[in-house]
């Protein structure tokens, strides 16, 4: 069975009434799973069920409130550095969005972690990474990029297509 999500009016509600629009192209969730767990076979059905490596998987919804006029620099930092460093430290990039009502104000994204404990280890390793510290300092030479950060850890429901 292939699970497809398309833009045609589909909205996903993530925690505390935060609404995020799914992108305009068709997303094959098996492709996301394959990118997340490359050692699984191409025909694996584990996306829709818990696997040994994914049963404790947790998602993190993060919202960054950009400082006035700093969204382009924030997006550049994510595009050029942050997402690669997340992967380096064991986080899985699920998706990145800007608020449709305030595209210069909020960056909203979801990353996945093998577990809550893995998330804590990944964030510590990320913060301590010299490449991150260098990118962070370089991106903020003209002022801070983020005024406020919100983070919510989420567990998938038993009927969630993405686990």
C-alpha atoms as a PDB file:
ATOM      1  CA  UNK A   1       0.000   0.000   0.000  1.00  0.00           C
ATOM      2  CA  UNK A   2       1.380   3.423  -0.951  1.00  0.00           C
ATOM      3  CA  UNK A   3       0.419   6.387   1.204  1.00  0.00           C
ATOM      4  CA  UNK A   4       0.256   9.721  -0.654  1.00  0.00           C
ATOM      5  CA  UNK A   5      -0.302  13.179   0.752  1.00  0.00           C
ATOM      6  CA  UNK A   6      -1.121  16.000  -1.662  1.00  0.00           C
ATOM      7  CA  UNK A   7      -1.848  19.687  -1.251  1.00  0.00           C
ATOM      8  CA  UNK A   8      -5.507  19.399  -2.251  1.00  0.00           C
ATOM      9  CA  UNK A   9      -6.824  20.963   0.893  1.00  0.00           C
ATOM     10  CA  UNK A  10      -4.906  18.714   3.304  1.00  0.00           C
ATOM     11  CA  UNK A  11      -3.726  20.349   6.518  1.00  0.00           C
ATOM     12  CA  UNK A  12      -1.984  18.612   9.352  1.00  0.00           C
ATOM     13  CA  UNK A  13      -2.617  19.703  12.918  1.00  0.00           C
ATOM     14  CA  UNK A  14       0.425  19.396  15.186  1.00  0.00           C
ATOM     15  CA  UNK A  15       0.062  20.122  18.916  1.00  0.00           C
ATOM     16  CA  UNK A  16      -1.576  23.133  20.503  1.00  0.00           C
ATOM     17  CA  UNK A  17      -3.562  24.048  17.382  1.00  0.00           C
ATOM     18  CA  UNK A  18      -0.461  24.794  15.284  1.00  0.00           C
ATOM     19  CA  UNK A  19      -1.470  24.326  11.675  1.00  0.00           C
ATOM     20  CA  UNK A  20       1.148  23.625   9.016  1.00  0.00           C
ATOM     21  CA  UNK A  21       0.367  23.359   5.298  1.00  0.00           C
ATOM     22  CA  UNK A  22       1.892  20.392   3.477  1.00  0.00           C
ATOM     23  CA  UNK A  23       3.943  21.373   0.415  1.00  0.00           C
ATOM     24  CA  UNK A  24       2.614  21.691  -3.085  1.00  0.00           C
ATOM     25  CA  UNK A  25       4.127  18.529  -4.482  1.00  0.00           C
ATOM     26  CA  UNK A  26       3.046  14.968  -3.834  1.00  0.00           C
ATOM     27  CA  UNK A  27       4.994  13.349  -1.027  1.00  0.00           C
ATOM     28  CA  UNK A  28       5.505   9.589  -0.954  1.00  0.00           C
ATOM     29  CA  UNK A  29       5.891   8.678   2.724  1.00  0.00           C
ATOM     30  CA  UNK A  30       7.920   5.595   1.764  1.00  0.00           C
ATOM     31  CA  UNK A  31      10.525   7.965   0.309  1.00  0.00           C
ATOM     32  CA  UNK A  32      10.669   9.814   3.607  1.00  0.00           C
ATOM     33  CA  UNK A  33      11.074   6.506   5.434  1.00  0.00           C
ATOM     34  CA  UNK A  34      13.781   5.381   2.999  1.00  0.00           C
ATOM     35  CA  UNK A  35      15.688   8.603   3.593  1.00  0.00           C
ATOM     36  CA  UNK A  36      15.246   8.230   7.347  1.00  0.00           C
ATOM     37  CA  UNK A  37      16.217   4.553   7.545  1.00  0.00           C
ATOM     38  CA  UNK A  38      18.394   3.779   4.484  1.00  0.00           C
ATOM     39  CA  UNK A  39      19.265   0.277   5.747  1.00  0.00           C
ATOM     40  CA  UNK A  40      15.686  -0.948   5.369  1.00  0.00           C
ATOM     41  CA  UNK A  41      14.621  -2.703   2.190  1.00  0.00           C
ATOM     42  CA  UNK A  42      12.836  -0.689  -0.484  1.00  0.00           C
ATOM     43  CA  UNK A  43       9.666  -2.777  -0.095  1.00  0.00           C
ATOM     44  CA  UNK A  44       9.513  -2.449   3.681  1.00  0.00           C
ATOM     45  CA  UNK A  45       6.088  -1.731   5.169  1.00  0.00           C
ATOM     46  CA  UNK A  46       7.578  -0.483   8.433  1.00  0.00           C
ATOM     47  CA  UNK A  47       6.557   3.140   7.803  1.00  0.00           C
ATOM     48  CA  UNK A  48       3.056   2.332   8.975  1.00  0.00           C
ATOM     49  CA  UNK A  49       4.133   0.316  12.003  1.00  0.00           C
ATOM     50  CA  UNK A  50       6.650   0.370  14.783  1.00  0.00           C
ATOM     51  CA  UNK A  51      10.025  -1.141  14.007  1.00  0.00           C
ATOM     52  CA  UNK A  52      12.773  -2.069  16.414  1.00  0.00           C
ATOM     53  CA  UNK A  53      14.676   1.094  15.509  1.00  0.00           C
ATOM     54  CA  UNK A  54      11.596   3.330  15.309  1.00  0.00           C
ATOM     55  CA  UNK A  55       9.334   2.289  18.183  1.00  0.00           C
ATOM     56  CA  UNK A  56      10.575   5.046  20.500  1.00  0.00           C
ATOM     57  CA  UNK A  57      10.862   7.628  17.717  1.00  0.00           C
ATOM     58  CA  UNK A  58       9.767  11.090  18.743  1.00  0.00           C
ATOM     59  CA  UNK A  59       9.101  14.186  16.680  1.00  0.00           C
ATOM     60  CA  UNK A  60       9.977  17.722  17.638  1.00  0.00           C
ATOM     61  CA  UNK A  61       8.012  20.706  16.362  1.00  0.00           C
ATOM     62  CA  UNK A  62      10.056  23.893  16.621  1.00  0.00           C
ATOM     63  CA  UNK A  63       8.962  27.449  15.907  1.00  0.00           C
ATOM     64  CA  UNK A  64      11.525  30.222  15.538  1.00  0.00           C
ATOM     65  CA  UNK A  65      10.311  33.804  15.708  1.00  0.00           C
ATOM     66  CA  UNK A  66      12.741  35.710  13.504  1.00  0.00           C
ATOM     67  CA  UNK A  67      14.089  39.072  14.577  1.00  0.00           C
ATOM     68  CA  UNK A  68      12.739  41.905  12.428  1.00  0.00           C
ATOM     69  CA  UNK A  69      14.226  41.734   8.925  1.00  0.00           C
ATOM     70  CA  UNK A  70      16.307  38.633   9.700  1.00  0.00           C
ATOM     71  CA  UNK A  71      14.266  35.827   8.099  1.00  0.00           C
ATOM     72  CA  UNK A  72      16.401  35.694   4.904  1.00  0.00           C
ATOM     73  CA  UNK A  73      19.556  35.273   7.016  1.00  0.00           C
ATOM     74  CA  UNK A  74      17.859  32.660   9.220  1.00  0.00           C
ATOM     75  CA  UNK A  75      16.732  30.647   6.186  1.00  0.00           C
ATOM     76  CA  UNK A  76      20.236  30.900   4.706  1.00  0.00           C
ATOM     77  CA  UNK A  77      21.767  29.579   7.927  1.00  0.00           C
ATOM     78  CA  UNK A  78      19.363  26.618   7.925  1.00  0.00           C
ATOM     79  CA  UNK A  79      19.849  25.968   4.202  1.00  0.00           C
ATOM     80  CA  UNK A  80      23.647  26.193   4.266  1.00  0.00           C
ATOM     81  CA  UNK A  81      24.540  24.823   7.694  1.00  0.00           C
ATOM     82  CA  UNK A  82      21.892  23.851  10.237  1.00  0.00           C
ATOM     83  CA  UNK A  83      20.078  21.060   8.392  1.00  0.00           C
ATOM     84  CA  UNK A  84      23.353  19.323   7.504  1.00  0.00           C
ATOM     85  CA  UNK A  85      24.547  19.564  11.096  1.00  0.00           C
ATOM     86  CA  UNK A  86      21.236  18.174  12.367  1.00  0.00           C
ATOM     87  CA  UNK A  87      21.784  15.083  10.199  1.00  0.00           C
ATOM     88  CA  UNK A  88      25.410  14.837  11.330  1.00  0.00           C
ATOM     89  CA  UNK A  89      24.193  14.635  14.927  1.00  0.00           C
ATOM     90  CA  UNK A  90      21.478  12.034  14.392  1.00  0.00           C
ATOM     91  CA  UNK A  91      18.404  14.189  13.789  1.00  0.00           C
ATOM     92  CA  UNK A  92      16.150  13.529  10.810  1.00  0.00           C
ATOM     93  CA  UNK A  93      14.896  16.598   8.928  1.00  0.00           C
ATOM     94  CA  UNK A  94      11.175  16.067   8.271  1.00  0.00           C
ATOM     95  CA  UNK A  95      10.088  19.449   6.918  1.00  0.00           C
ATOM     96  CA  UNK A  96      10.504  23.215   7.049  1.00  0.00           C
ATOM     97  CA  UNK A  97       7.834  25.888   6.562  1.00  0.00           C
ATOM     98  CA  UNK A  98       7.248  29.597   6.950  1.00  0.00           C
ATOM     99  CA  UNK A  99       3.990  30.928   8.332  1.00  0.00           C
ATOM    100  CA  UNK A 100       1.700  31.719   5.376  1.00  0.00           C
ATOM    101  CA  UNK A 101       0.275  34.759   7.205  1.00  0.00           C
ATOM    102  CA  UNK A 102       3.667  36.024   8.361  1.00  0.00           C
ATOM    103  CA  UNK A 103       6.416  34.559   6.106  1.00  0.00           C
ATOM    104  CA  UNK A 104       9.009  36.999   7.465  1.00  0.00           C
ATOM    105  CA  UNK A 105       8.137  36.244  11.074  1.00  0.00           C
ATOM    106  CA  UNK A 106       8.137  32.492  11.739  1.00  0.00           C
ATOM    107  CA  UNK A 107      10.144  29.463  10.677  1.00  0.00           C
ATOM    108  CA  UNK A 108       8.386  26.234  11.640  1.00  0.00           C
ATOM    109  CA  UNK A 109      10.033  22.854  11.308  1.00  0.00           C
ATOM    110  CA  UNK A 110       9.889  19.249  12.405  1.00  0.00           C
ATOM    111  CA  UNK A 111      12.803  16.958  13.139  1.00  0.00           C
ATOM    112  CA  UNK A 112      12.662  13.342  14.292  1.00  0.00           C
ATOM    113  CA  UNK A 113      14.789  11.653  16.922  1.00  0.00           C
ATOM    114  CA  UNK A 114      15.235   7.960  17.712  1.00  0.00           C
ATOM    115  CA  UNK A 115      14.042   8.687  21.284  1.00  0.00           C
ATOM    116  CA  UNK A 116      13.786  11.534  23.811  1.00  0.00           C
ATOM    117  CA  UNK A 117      17.191  10.541  25.175  1.00  0.00           C
ATOM    118  CA  UNK A 118      18.652  10.574  21.656  1.00  0.00           C
ATOM    119  CA  UNK A 119      17.171  14.054  21.151  1.00  0.00           C
ATOM    120  CA  UNK A 120      18.945  15.352  24.246  1.00  0.00           C
ATOM    121  CA  UNK A 121      22.268  13.836  23.120  1.00  0.00           C
ATOM    122  CA  UNK A 122      21.835  15.168  19.576  1.00  0.00           C
ATOM    123  CA  UNK A 123      21.064  18.702  20.725  1.00  0.00           C
ATOM    124  CA  UNK A 124      24.082  18.726  23.063  1.00  0.00           C
ATOM    125  CA  UNK A 125      26.407  17.431  20.316  1.00  0.00           C
ATOM    126  CA  UNK A 126      24.938  19.978  17.882  1.00  0.00           C
ATOM    127  CA  UNK A 127      25.424  22.921  20.271  1.00  0.00           C
ATOM    128  CA  UNK A 128      29.003  21.803  21.025  1.00  0.00           C
ATOM    129  CA  UNK A 129      29.949  21.296  17.361  1.00  0.00           C
ATOM    130  CA  UNK A 130      32.664  23.786  16.289  1.00  0.00           C
ATOM    131  CA  UNK A 131      31.101  23.993  12.798  1.00  0.00           C
ATOM    132  CA  UNK A 132      27.776  25.068  14.359  1.00  0.00           C
ATOM    133  CA  UNK A 133      29.458  27.591  16.650  1.00  0.00           C
ATOM    134  CA  UNK A 134      31.307  29.088  13.675  1.00  0.00           C
ATOM    135  CA  UNK A 135      28.149  29.250  11.489  1.00  0.00           C
ATOM    136  CA  UNK A 136      26.125  30.700  14.362  1.00  0.00           C
ATOM    137  CA  UNK A 137      28.641  33.458  15.108  1.00  0.00           C
ATOM    138  CA  UNK A 138      29.113  34.317  11.431  1.00  0.00           C
ATOM    139  CA  UNK A 139      25.350  34.535  10.817  1.00  0.00           C
ATOM    140  CA  UNK A 140      24.795  36.875  13.762  1.00  0.00           C
ATOM    141  CA  UNK A 141      27.549  39.448  13.148  1.00  0.00           C
ATOM    142  CA  UNK A 142      24.822  41.984  12.262  1.00  0.00           C
ATOM    143  CA  UNK A 143      22.536  41.053  15.145  1.00  0.00           C
ATOM    144  CA  UNK A 144      20.623  38.083  16.458  1.00  0.00           C
ATOM    145  CA  UNK A 145      18.398  36.176  14.040  1.00  0.00           C
ATOM    146  CA  UNK A 146      15.882  34.693  16.486  1.00  0.00           C
ATOM    147  CA  UNK A 147      13.853  36.550  19.107  1.00  0.00           C
ATOM    148  CA  UNK A 148      12.015  33.533  20.508  1.00  0.00           C
ATOM    149  CA  UNK A 149      12.016  29.742  20.179  1.00  0.00           C
ATOM    150  CA  UNK A 150       9.272  27.244  20.985  1.00  0.00           C
ATOM    151  CA  UNK A 151       9.753  23.484  21.058  1.00  0.00           C
ATOM    152  CA  UNK A 152       7.167  20.717  21.447  1.00  0.00           C
ATOM    153  CA  UNK A 153       8.019  17.005  21.544  1.00  0.00           C
ATOM    154  CA  UNK A 154       5.339  14.842  19.952  1.00  0.00           C
ATOM    155  CA  UNK A 155       4.600  11.121  19.978  1.00  0.00           C
ATOM    156  CA  UNK A 156       2.729   9.725  16.969  1.00  0.00           C
ATOM    157  CA  UNK A 157      -0.710   8.301  17.577  1.00  0.00           C
ATOM    158  CA  UNK A 158      -1.467   4.683  16.725  1.00  0.00           C
ATOM    159  CA  UNK A 159      -3.280   5.873  13.570  1.00  0.00           C
ATOM    160  CA  UNK A 160      -0.566   8.275  12.395  1.00  0.00           C
ATOM    161  CA  UNK A 161       0.843   7.464   8.935  1.00  0.00           C
ATOM    162  CA  UNK A 162       4.200   8.907   9.944  1.00  0.00           C
ATOM    163  CA  UNK A 163       5.841   7.213  12.925  1.00  0.00           C
END
